[in-house]
PDB file of N, CA and C in Angstrom:
ATOM      1  N   MET A   1      -3.779 -22.479  48.195  1.00  0.00           N
ATOM      2  CA  MET A   1      -4.613 -22.697  47.037  1.00  0.00           C
ATOM      3  C   MET A   1      -4.468 -21.557  46.038  1.00  0.00           C
ATOM      4  N   CYS A   2      -4.388 -20.338  46.518  1.00  0.00           N
ATOM      5  CA  CYS A   2      -4.255 -19.181  45.648  1.00  0.00           C
ATOM      6  C   CYS A   2      -2.956 -19.271  44.854  1.00  0.00           C
ATOM      7  N   TRP A   3      -1.901 -19.757  45.482  1.00  0.00           N
ATOM      8  CA  TRP A   3      -0.593 -19.885  44.820  1.00  0.00           C
ATOM      9  C   TRP A   3      -0.686 -20.846  43.648  1.00  0.00           C
ATOM     10  N   ILE A   4      -1.410 -21.947  43.796  1.00  0.00           N
ATOM     11  CA  ILE A   4      -1.557 -22.943  42.725  1.00  0.00           C
ATOM     12  C   ILE A   4      -2.307 -22.333  41.542  1.00  0.00           C
ATOM     13  N   MET A   5      -3.309 -21.535  41.805  1.00  0.00           N
ATOM     14  CA  MET A   5      -4.059 -20.910  40.711  1.00  0.00           C
ATOM     15  C   MET A   5      -3.184 -19.924  39.946  1.00  0.00           C
ATOM     16  N   ASN A   6      -2.322 -19.193  40.671  1.00  0.00           N
ATOM     17  CA  ASN A   6      -1.424 -18.259  39.995  1.00  0.00           C
ATOM     18  C   ASN A   6      -0.436 -19.004  39.101  1.00  0.00           C
ATOM     19  N   VAL A   7       0.071 -20.126  39.573  1.00  0.00           N
ATOM     20  CA  VAL A   7       0.991 -20.933  38.777  1.00  0.00           C
ATOM     21  C   VAL A   7       0.279 -21.447  37.522  1.00  0.00           C
ATOM     22  N   ALA A   8      -0.958 -21.862  37.679  1.00  0.00           N
ATOM     23  CA  ALA A   8      -1.739 -22.346  36.537  1.00  0.00           C
ATOM     24  C   ALA A   8      -1.975 -21.221  35.538  1.00  0.00           C
ATOM     25  N   LYS A   9      -2.269 -20.029  36.024  1.00  0.00           N
ATOM     26  CA  LYS A   9      -2.480 -18.897  35.132  1.00  0.00           C
ATOM     27  C   LYS A   9      -1.204 -18.547  34.374  1.00  0.00           C
ATOM     28  N   ILE A  10      -0.089 -18.574  35.074  1.00  0.00           N
ATOM     29  CA  ILE A  10       1.199 -18.282  34.438  1.00  0.00           C
ATOM     30  C   ILE A  10       1.508 -19.337  33.391  1.00  0.00           C
ATOM     31  N   HIS A  11       1.255 -20.593  33.725  1.00  0.00           N
ATOM     32  CA  HIS A  11       1.494 -21.677  32.774  1.00  0.00           C
ATOM     33  C   HIS A  11       0.618 -21.493  31.535  1.00  0.00           C
ATOM     34  N   ASP A  12      -0.668 -21.202  31.745  1.00  0.00           N
ATOM     35  CA  ASP A  12      -1.584 -20.979  30.625  1.00  0.00           C
ATOM     36  C   ASP A  12      -1.122 -19.805  29.761  1.00  0.00           C
ATOM     37  N   LYS A  13      -0.672 -18.745  30.424  1.00  0.00           N
ATOM     38  CA  LYS A  13      -0.193 -17.569  29.686  1.00  0.00           C
ATOM     39  C   LYS A  13       0.996 -17.940  28.819  1.00  0.00           C
ATOM     40  N   CYS A  14       1.914 -18.711  29.355  1.00  0.00           N
ATOM     41  CA  CYS A  14       3.097 -19.124  28.590  1.00  0.00           C
ATOM     42  C   CYS A  14       2.718 -20.012  27.413  1.00  0.00           C
ATOM     43  N   VAL A  15       1.779 -20.915  27.636  1.00  0.00           N
ATOM     44  CA  VAL A  15       1.338 -21.803  26.552  1.00  0.00           C
ATOM     45  C   VAL A  15       0.686 -20.989  25.439  1.00  0.00           C
ATOM     46  N   ILE A  16      -0.185 -20.072  25.820  1.00  0.00           N
ATOM     47  CA  ILE A  16      -0.878 -19.248  24.824  1.00  0.00           C
ATOM     48  C   ILE A  16       0.120 -18.360  24.078  1.00  0.00           C
ATOM     49  N   MET A  17       1.045 -17.764  24.816  1.00  0.00           N
ATOM     50  CA  MET A  17       2.042 -16.906  24.197  1.00  0.00           C
ATOM     51  C   MET A  17       2.907 -17.702  23.219  1.00  0.00           C
ATOM     52  N   HIS A  18       3.317 -18.897  23.615  1.00  0.00           N
ATOM     53  CA  HIS A  18       4.121 -19.756  22.749  1.00  0.00           C
ATOM     54  C   HIS A  18       3.329 -20.145  21.493  1.00  0.00           C
ATOM     55  N   PHE A  19       2.053 -20.447  21.663  1.00  0.00           N
ATOM     56  CA  PHE A  19       1.202 -20.808  20.530  1.00  0.00           C
ATOM     57  C   PHE A  19       1.176 -19.683  19.499  1.00  0.00           C
ATOM     58  N   TRP A  20       0.940 -18.443  19.961  1.00  0.00           N
ATOM     59  CA  TRP A  20       0.846 -17.324  19.030  1.00  0.00           C
ATOM     60  C   TRP A  20       2.197 -16.954  18.434  1.00  0.00           C
ATOM     61  N   GLU A  21       3.263 -17.115  19.199  1.00  0.00           N
ATOM     62  CA  GLU A  21       4.597 -16.862  18.650  1.00  0.00           C
ATOM     63  C   GLU A  21       4.893 -17.829  17.510  1.00  0.00           C
ATOM     64  N   GLN A  22       4.485 -19.085  17.681  1.00  0.00           N
ATOM     65  CA  GLN A  22       4.671 -20.079  16.623  1.00  0.00           C
ATOM     66  C   GLN A  22       3.842 -19.713  15.387  1.00  0.00           C
ATOM     67  N   LYS A  23       2.616 -19.284  15.611  1.00  0.00           N
ATOM     68  CA  LYS A  23       1.749 -18.885  14.490  1.00  0.00           C
ATOM     69  C   LYS A  23       2.362 -17.711  13.724  1.00  0.00           C
ATOM     70  N   ILE A  24       2.852 -16.713  14.452  1.00  0.00           N
ATOM     71  CA  ILE A  24       3.450 -15.531  13.827  1.00  0.00           C
ATOM     72  C   ILE A  24       4.712 -15.915  13.056  1.00  0.00           C
ATOM     73  N   GLU A  25       5.537 -16.769  13.638  1.00  0.00           N
ATOM     74  CA  GLU A  25       6.760 -17.219  12.967  1.00  0.00           C
ATOM     75  C   GLU A  25       6.420 -17.989  11.690  1.00  0.00           C
ATOM     76  N   HIS A  26       5.423 -18.854  11.775  1.00  0.00           N
ATOM     77  CA  HIS A  26       5.005 -19.632  10.604  1.00  0.00           C
ATOM     78  C   HIS A  26       4.473 -18.700   9.507  1.00  0.00           C
ATOM     79  N   HIS A  27       3.685 -17.720   9.896  1.00  0.00           N
ATOM     80  CA  HIS A  27       3.146 -16.762   8.925  1.00  0.00           C
ATOM     81  C   HIS A  27       4.283 -15.987   8.254  1.00  0.00           C
ATOM     82  N   GLY A  28       5.285 -15.597   9.020  1.00  0.00           N
ATOM     83  CA  GLY A  28       6.439 -14.882   8.465  1.00  0.00           C
ATOM     84  C   GLY A  28       7.175 -15.723   7.437  1.00  0.00           C
ATOM     85  N   ARG A  29       7.367 -17.003   7.760  1.00  0.00           N
ATOM     86  CA  ARG A  29       8.045 -17.906   6.810  1.00  0.00           C
ATOM     87  C   ARG A  29       7.222 -18.069   5.541  1.00  0.00           C
ATOM     88  N   MET A  30       5.922 -18.218   5.700  1.00  0.00           N
ATOM     89  CA  MET A  30       5.053 -18.378   4.536  1.00  0.00           C
ATOM     90  C   MET A  30       5.085 -17.115   3.662  1.00  0.00           C
ATOM     91  N   ALA A  31       5.092 -15.949   4.276  1.00  0.00           N
ATOM     92  CA  ALA A  31       5.146 -14.693   3.519  1.00  0.00           C
ATOM     93  C   ALA A  31       6.463 -14.585   2.763  1.00  0.00           C
ATOM     94  N   GLU A  32       7.565 -14.955   3.396  1.00  0.00           N
ATOM     95  CA  GLU A  32       8.868 -14.928   2.725  1.00  0.00           C
ATOM     96  C   GLU A  32       8.896 -15.901   1.550  1.00  0.00           C
ATOM     97  N   ASP A  33       8.371 -17.094   1.756  1.00  0.00           N
ATOM     98  CA  ASP A  33       8.329 -18.087   0.679  1.00  0.00           C
ATOM     99  C   ASP A  33       7.504 -17.584  -0.498  1.00  0.00           C
ATOM    100  N   GLU A  34       6.392 -16.941  -0.212  1.00  0.00           N
ATOM    101  CA  GLU A  34       5.530 -16.408  -1.274  1.00  0.00           C
ATOM    102  C   GLU A  34       6.242 -15.291  -2.037  1.00  0.00           C
ATOM    103  N   GLU A  35       6.976 -14.464  -1.299  1.00  0.00           N
ATOM    104  CA  GLU A  35       7.717 -13.379  -1.937  1.00  0.00           C
ATOM    105  C   GLU A  35       8.784 -13.933  -2.886  1.00  0.00           C
ATOM    106  N   VAL A  36       9.496 -14.949  -2.444  1.00  0.00           N
ATOM    107  CA  VAL A  36      10.511 -15.586  -3.286  1.00  0.00           C
ATOM    108  C   VAL A  36       9.857 -16.219  -4.510  1.00  0.00           C
ATOM    109  N   ARG A  37       8.724 -16.861  -4.306  1.00  0.00           N
ATOM    110  CA  ARG A  37       8.013 -17.491  -5.422  1.00  0.00           C
ATOM    111  C   ARG A  37       7.587 -16.448  -6.448  1.00  0.00           C
ATOM    112  N   MET A  38       7.088 -15.320  -5.983  1.00  0.00           N
ATOM    113  CA  MET A  38       6.655 -14.268  -6.894  1.00  0.00           C
ATOM    114  C   MET A  38       7.835 -13.661  -7.652  1.00  0.00           C
ATOM    115  N   LYS A  39       8.987 -13.518  -6.978  1.00  0.00           N
ATOM    116  CA  LYS A  39      10.170 -12.973  -7.653  1.00  0.00           C
ATOM    117  C   LYS A  39      10.648 -13.911  -8.751  1.00  0.00           C
ATOM    118  N   ASN A  40      10.525 -15.199  -8.514  1.00  0.00           N
ATOM    119  CA  ASN A  40      10.985 -16.179  -9.491  1.00  0.00           C
ATOM    120  C   ASN A  40       9.947 -16.474 -10.563  1.00  0.00           C
ATOM    121  N   SER A  41       8.763 -15.937 -10.408  1.00  0.00           N
ATOM    122  CA  SER A  41       7.684 -16.200 -11.347  1.00  0.00           C
ATOM    123  C   SER A  41       7.953 -15.520 -12.684  1.00  0.00           C
ATOM    124  N   ALA A  42       7.586 -16.182 -13.748  1.00  0.00           N
ATOM    125  CA  ALA A  42       7.762 -15.627 -15.090  1.00  0.00           C
ATOM    126  C   ALA A  42       6.648 -14.636 -15.424  1.00  0.00           C
ATOM    127  N   LEU A  43       5.610 -14.598 -14.631  1.00  0.00           N
ATOM    128  CA  LEU A  43       4.464 -13.752 -14.936  1.00  0.00           C
ATOM    129  C   LEU A  43       4.838 -12.279 -15.025  1.00  0.00           C
ATOM    130  N   SER A  44       5.612 -11.787 -14.091  1.00  0.00           N
ATOM    131  CA  SER A  44       5.976 -10.367 -14.125  1.00  0.00           C
ATOM    132  C   SER A  44       6.829 -10.056 -15.353  1.00  0.00           C
ATOM    133  N   ARG A  45       7.737 -10.960 -15.705  1.00  0.00           N
ATOM    134  CA  ARG A  45       8.552 -10.749 -16.909  1.00  0.00           C
ATOM    135  C   ARG A  45       7.674 -10.752 -18.153  1.00  0.00           C
ATOM    136  N   LEU A  46       6.703 -11.661 -18.203  1.00  0.00           N
ATOM    137  CA  LEU A  46       5.806 -11.708 -19.357  1.00  0.00           C
ATOM    138  C   LEU A  46       4.973 -10.435 -19.465  1.00  0.00           C
ATOM    139  N   ARG A  47       4.496  -9.942 -18.338  1.00  0.00           N
ATOM    140  CA  ARG A  47       3.716  -8.707 -18.361  1.00  0.00           C
ATOM    141  C   ARG A  47       4.547  -7.541 -18.874  1.00  0.00           C
ATOM    142  N   LYS A  48       5.798  -7.427 -18.402  1.00  0.00           N
ATOM    143  CA  LYS A  48       6.673  -6.353 -18.874  1.00  0.00           C
ATOM    144  C   LYS A  48       6.936  -6.497 -20.365  1.00  0.00           C
ATOM    145  N   ASP A  49       7.171  -7.715 -20.822  1.00  0.00           N
ATOM    146  CA  ASP A  49       7.440  -7.962 -22.234  1.00  0.00           C
ATOM    147  C   ASP A  49       6.235  -7.570 -23.081  1.00  0.00           C
ATOM    148  N   TRP A  50       5.054  -7.980 -22.669  1.00  0.00           N
ATOM    149  CA  TRP A  50       3.850  -7.648 -23.429  1.00  0.00           C
ATOM    150  C   TRP A  50       3.570  -6.157 -23.389  1.00  0.00           C
ATOM    151  N   ALA A  51       3.810  -5.509 -22.284  1.00  0.00           N
ATOM    152  CA  ALA A  51       3.608  -4.058 -22.195  1.00  0.00           C
ATOM    153  C   ALA A  51       4.558  -3.345 -23.152  1.00  0.00           C
ATOM    154  N   SER A  52       5.800  -3.814 -23.208  1.00  0.00           N
ATOM    155  CA  SER A  52       6.780  -3.230 -24.122  1.00  0.00           C
ATOM    156  C   SER A  52       6.364  -3.438 -25.572  1.00  0.00           C
ATOM    157  N   ARG A  53       5.920  -4.636 -25.900  1.00  0.00           N
ATOM    158  CA  ARG A  53       5.477  -4.915 -27.268  1.00  0.00           C
ATOM    159  C   ARG A  53       4.270  -4.052 -27.645  1.00  0.00           C
ATOM    160  N   LEU A  54       3.342  -3.929 -26.725  1.00  0.00           N
ATOM    161  CA  LEU A  54       2.149  -3.128 -26.990  1.00  0.00           C
ATOM    162  C   LEU A  54       2.508  -1.662 -27.192  1.00  0.00           C
ATOM    163  N   GLU A  55       3.430  -1.170 -26.394  1.00  0.00           N
ATOM    164  CA  GLU A  55       3.865   0.219 -26.523  1.00  0.00           C
ATOM    165  C   GLU A  55       4.531   0.450 -27.884  1.00  0.00           C
ATOM    166  N   LYS A  56       5.398  -0.471 -28.299  1.00  0.00           N
ATOM    167  CA  LYS A  56       6.067  -0.346 -29.601  1.00  0.00           C
ATOM    168  C   LYS A  56       5.049  -0.390 -30.729  1.00  0.00           C
ATOM    169  N   ARG A  57       4.076  -1.276 -30.624  1.00  0.00           N
ATOM    170  CA  ARG A  57       3.057  -1.404 -31.662  1.00  0.00           C
ATOM    171  C   ARG A  57       2.212  -0.137 -31.746  1.00  0.00           C
ATOM    172  N   THR A  58       1.861   0.419 -30.597  1.00  0.00           N
ATOM    173  CA  THR A  58       1.070   1.643 -30.571  1.00  0.00           C
ATOM    174  C   THR A  58       1.831   2.789 -31.223  1.00  0.00           C
ATOM    175  N   LYS A  59       3.114   2.916 -30.903  1.00  0.00           N
ATOM    176  CA  LYS A  59       3.936   3.970 -31.506  1.00  0.00           C
ATOM    177  C   LYS A  59       4.026   3.775 -33.016  1.00  0.00           C
ATOM    178  N   HIS A  60       4.197   2.544 -33.442  1.00  0.00           N
ATOM    179  CA  HIS A  60       4.290   2.241 -34.870  1.00  0.00           C
ATOM    180  C   HIS A  60       2.992   2.626 -35.587  1.00  0.00           C
ATOM    181  N   LEU A  61       1.856   2.282 -35.006  1.00  0.00           N
ATOM    182  CA  LEU A  61       0.571   2.619 -35.616  1.00  0.00           C
ATOM    183  C   LEU A  61       0.340   4.131 -35.635  1.00  0.00           C
ATOM    184  N   GLN A  62       0.774   4.818 -34.605  1.00  0.00           N
ATOM    185  CA  GLN A  62       0.647   6.276 -34.589  1.00  0.00           C
ATOM    186  C   GLN A  62       1.500   6.893 -35.695  1.00  0.00           C
ATOM    187  N   ASN A  63       2.711   6.370 -35.864  1.00  0.00           N
ATOM    188  CA  ASN A  63       3.586   6.878 -36.918  1.00  0.00           C
ATOM    189  C   ASN A  63       2.977   6.631 -38.284  1.00  0.00           C
ATOM    190  N   LEU A  64       2.402   5.459 -38.502  1.00  0.00           N
ATOM    191  CA  LEU A  64       1.754   5.169 -39.777  1.00  0.00           C
ATOM    192  C   LEU A  64       0.587   6.123 -40.010  1.00  0.00           C
ATOM    193  N   HIS A  65      -0.191   6.370 -38.989  1.00  0.00           N
ATOM    194  CA  HIS A  65      -1.329   7.265 -39.100  1.00  0.00           C
ATOM    195  C   HIS A  65      -0.855   8.691 -39.431  1.00  0.00           C
ATOM    196  N   GLU A  66       0.184   9.158 -38.751  1.00  0.00           N
ATOM    197  CA  GLU A  66       0.714  10.504 -39.002  1.00  0.00           C
ATOM    198  C   GLU A  66       1.289  10.600 -40.410  1.00  0.00           C
ATOM    199  N   GLU A  67       1.970   9.567 -40.875  1.00  0.00           N
ATOM    200  CA  GLU A  67       2.512   9.565 -42.229  1.00  0.00           C
ATOM    201  C   GLU A  67       1.384   9.605 -43.252  1.00  0.00           C
ATOM    202  N   GLY A  68       0.304   8.888 -42.979  1.00  0.00           N
ATOM    203  CA  GLY A  68      -0.851   8.902 -43.882  1.00  0.00           C
ATOM    204  C   GLY A  68      -1.477  10.278 -43.973  1.00  0.00           C
ATOM    205  N   ILE A  69      -1.589  10.944 -42.843  1.00  0.00           N
ATOM    206  CA  ILE A  69      -2.141  12.308 -42.824  1.00  0.00           C
ATOM    207  C   ILE A  69      -1.232  13.260 -43.591  1.00  0.00           C
ATOM    208  N   THR A  70       0.051  13.131 -43.368  1.00  0.00           N
ATOM    209  CA  THR A  70       1.028  13.990 -44.049  1.00  0.00           C
ATOM    210  C   THR A  70       0.974  13.757 -45.550  1.00  0.00           C
ATOM    211  N   ARG A  71       0.874  12.528 -46.003  1.00  0.00           N
ATOM    212  CA  ARG A  71       0.827  12.214 -47.426  1.00  0.00           C
ATOM    213  C   ARG A  71      -0.433  12.784 -48.078  1.00  0.00           C
ATOM    214  N   THR A  72      -1.574  12.681 -47.363  1.00  0.00           N
ATOM    215  CA  THR A  72      -2.811  13.200 -47.943  1.00  0.00           C
ATOM    216  C   THR A  72      -2.787  14.710 -48.024  1.00  0.00           C
ATOM    217  N   LYS A  73      -2.111  15.384 -47.108  1.00  0.00           N
ATOM    218  CA  LYS A  73      -2.002  16.847 -47.171  1.00  0.00           C
ATOM    219  C   LYS A  73      -1.114  17.272 -48.332  1.00  0.00           C
ATOM    220  N   LEU A  74      -0.102  16.481 -48.648  1.00  0.00           N
ATOM    221  CA  LEU A  74       0.813  16.812 -49.733  1.00  0.00           C
ATOM    222  C   LEU A  74       0.181  16.611 -51.100  1.00  0.00           C
ATOM    223  N   THR A  75      -0.737  15.708 -51.216  1.00  0.00           N
ATOM    224  CA  THR A  75      -1.330  15.439 -52.540  1.00  0.00           C
ATOM    225  C   THR A  75      -2.542  16.258 -52.821  1.00  0.00           C
TER     226      THR A  75
END
């Protein structure tokens, strides 16, 4: 009788281990798919583009402000 219980425990252990291995494998695939989706997303490119535009605009406005100050000092 003890031998049968050990076999049942081993079987249960294998089933549980297989279940979690499948879950981990599925999670890994989902993470990879999400990573690929994010790389192909236009959102990051749009953010970089807008950041670049904002930086250029800020520099332009600073230059205009500095030129205005310089002109008022000259007059």
